[in-house]
Amino acid sequence: MTTDISKTIIKLQESLEALESRNAFQDDIIEQLNNELAVHQSEISELKSQLTLIANRVKDNTPGQNESQDIEAPPPHY
């Protein structure tokens, strides 16, 4: 009977060690994913600001309605 209990204890210890190992591995993966997510969020923020800057430049270079009225139509012979 003591050998059955010893075998059971050994199996439980092995199972516990396997779970602890998996938990440590998962913690490491979660930390890596968190760091990668932070990098991506920073890049997205930078891209948003660049896109806003480009949109403003395009908007400033696009003639408005008032400016289009100031442009004369080509002469009729064209």
C-alpha atoms as a PDB file:
ATOM      1  CA  MET A   1       0.000   0.000   0.000  1.00  0.00           C
ATOM      2  CA  THR A   2       2.870   2.388   0.708  1.00  0.00           C
ATOM      3  CA  THR A   3       4.250   1.777  -2.745  1.00  0.00           C
ATOM      4  CA  ASP A   4       0.920   2.786  -4.272  1.00  0.00           C
ATOM      5  CA  ILE A   5       0.940   5.979  -2.215  1.00  0.00           C
ATOM      6  CA  SER A   6       4.574   6.630  -3.162  1.00  0.00           C
ATOM      7  CA  LYS A   7       3.801   6.109  -6.845  1.00  0.00           C
ATOM      8  CA  THR A   8       0.815   8.430  -6.582  1.00  0.00           C
ATOM      9  CA  ILE A   9       2.922  11.103  -4.853  1.00  0.00           C
ATOM     10  CA  ILE A  10       5.623  10.803  -7.516  1.00  0.00           C
ATOM     11  CA  LYS A  11       3.038  11.118 -10.304  1.00  0.00           C
ATOM     12  CA  LEU A  12       1.517  14.170  -8.603  1.00  0.00           C
ATOM     13  CA  GLN A  13       4.953  15.757  -8.230  1.00  0.00           C
ATOM     14  CA  GLU A  14       5.710  15.137 -11.906  1.00  0.00           C
ATOM     15  CA  SER A  15       2.368  16.596 -12.901  1.00  0.00           C
ATOM     16  CA  LEU A  16       2.975  19.630 -10.708  1.00  0.00           C
ATOM     17  CA  GLU A  17       6.437  20.167 -12.177  1.00  0.00           C
ATOM     18  CA  ALA A  18       5.033  19.896 -15.703  1.00  0.00           C
ATOM     19  CA  LEU A  19       2.344  22.469 -14.881  1.00  0.00           C
ATOM     20  CA  GLU A  20       4.903  24.816 -13.314  1.00  0.00           C
ATOM     21  CA  SER A  21       7.087  24.495 -16.399  1.00  0.00           C
ATOM     22  CA  ARG A  22       4.185  25.259 -18.725  1.00  0.00           C
ATOM     23  CA  ASN A  23       3.159  28.193 -16.553  1.00  0.00           C
ATOM     24  CA  ALA A  24       6.670  29.667 -16.676  1.00  0.00           C
ATOM     25  CA  PHE A  25       6.760  29.230 -20.455  1.00  0.00           C
ATOM     26  CA  GLN A  26       3.365  30.916 -20.828  1.00  0.00           C
ATOM     27  CA  ASP A  27       4.442  33.804 -18.600  1.00  0.00           C
ATOM     28  CA  ASP A  28       7.478  34.326 -20.828  1.00  0.00           C
ATOM     29  CA  ILE A  29       5.367  34.249 -23.987  1.00  0.00           C
ATOM     30  CA  ILE A  30       2.858  36.693 -22.502  1.00  0.00           C
ATOM     31  CA  GLU A  31       5.674  39.101 -21.614  1.00  0.00           C
ATOM     32  CA  GLN A  32       7.092  38.872 -25.143  1.00  0.00           C
ATOM     33  CA  LEU A  33       3.657  39.492 -26.660  1.00  0.00           C
ATOM     34  CA  ASN A  34       3.118  42.446 -24.350  1.00  0.00           C
ATOM     35  CA  ASN A  35       6.421  44.001 -25.434  1.00  0.00           C
ATOM     36  CA  GLU A  36       5.604  43.425 -29.089  1.00  0.00           C
ATOM     37  CA  LEU A  37       2.163  44.975 -28.620  1.00  0.00           C
ATOM     38  CA  ALA A  38       3.730  48.067 -27.045  1.00  0.00           C
ATOM     39  CA  VAL A  39       6.046  48.423 -30.056  1.00  0.00           C
ATOM     40  CA  HIS A  40       3.124  48.095 -32.473  1.00  0.00           C
ATOM     41  CA  GLN A  41       1.046  50.646 -30.581  1.00  0.00           C
ATOM     42  CA  SER A  42       3.936  53.098 -30.725  1.00  0.00           C
ATOM     43  CA  GLU A  43       4.340  52.536 -34.468  1.00  0.00           C
ATOM     44  CA  ILE A  44       0.607  52.988 -35.054  1.00  0.00           C
ATOM     45  CA  SER A  45       0.649  56.243 -33.124  1.00  0.00           C
ATOM     46  CA  GLU A  46       3.581  57.516 -35.195  1.00  0.00           C
ATOM     47  CA  LEU A  47       1.865  56.481 -38.435  1.00  0.00           C
ATOM     48  CA  LYS A  48      -1.334  58.259 -37.398  1.00  0.00           C
ATOM     49  CA  SER A  49       0.543  61.492 -36.780  1.00  0.00           C
ATOM     50  CA  GLN A  50       2.334  61.175 -40.134  1.00  0.00           C
ATOM     51  CA  LEU A  51      -0.984  60.509 -41.883  1.00  0.00           C
ATOM     52  CA  THR A  52      -2.504  63.581 -40.259  1.00  0.00           C
ATOM     53  CA  LEU A  53       0.466  65.661 -41.400  1.00  0.00           C
ATOM     54  CA  ILE A  54       0.157  64.366 -44.968  1.00  0.00           C
ATOM     55  CA  ALA A  55      -3.607  64.972 -44.998  1.00  0.00           C
ATOM     56  CA  ASN A  56      -3.062  68.542 -43.845  1.00  0.00           C
ATOM     57  CA  ARG A  57      -0.446  69.133 -46.536  1.00  0.00           C
ATOM     58  CA  VAL A  58      -2.742  67.756 -49.233  1.00  0.00           C
ATOM     59  CA  LYS A  59      -5.590  69.853 -47.904  1.00  0.00           C
ATOM     60  CA  ASP A  60      -3.402  72.986 -47.956  1.00  0.00           C
ATOM     61  CA  ASN A  61      -2.296  72.311 -51.549  1.00  0.00           C
ATOM     62  CA  THR A  62      -5.786  71.571 -52.891  1.00  0.00           C
ATOM     63  CA  PRO A  63      -7.456  74.627 -54.358  1.00  0.00           C
ATOM     64  CA  GLY A  64     -10.671  75.543 -52.589  1.00  0.00           C
ATOM     65  CA  GLN A  65     -13.899  76.687 -54.217  1.00  0.00           C
ATOM     66  CA  ASN A  66     -12.913  80.362 -54.016  1.00  0.00           C
ATOM     67  CA  GLU A  67      -9.599  79.702 -55.711  1.00  0.00           C
ATOM     68  CA  SER A  68     -11.205  77.669 -58.499  1.00  0.00           C
ATOM     69  CA  GLN A  69     -13.450  80.627 -59.336  1.00  0.00           C
ATOM     70  CA  ASP A  70     -10.398  82.884 -59.686  1.00  0.00           C
ATOM     71  CA  ILE A  71      -8.924  80.624 -62.361  1.00  0.00           C
ATOM     72  CA  GLU A  72      -9.968  81.789 -65.800  1.00  0.00           C
ATOM     73  CA  ALA A  73     -11.487  79.355 -68.236  1.00  0.00           C
ATOM     74  CA  PRO A  74      -9.398  78.648 -71.338  1.00  0.00           C
ATOM     75  CA  PRO A  75     -10.187  80.719 -74.389  1.00  0.00           C
ATOM     76  CA  PRO A  76     -12.830  79.286 -76.741  1.00  0.00           C
ATOM     77  CA  HIS A  77     -10.316  78.352 -79.463  1.00  0.00           C
ATOM     78  CA  TYR A  78      -8.787  75.595 -77.256  1.00  0.00           C
END
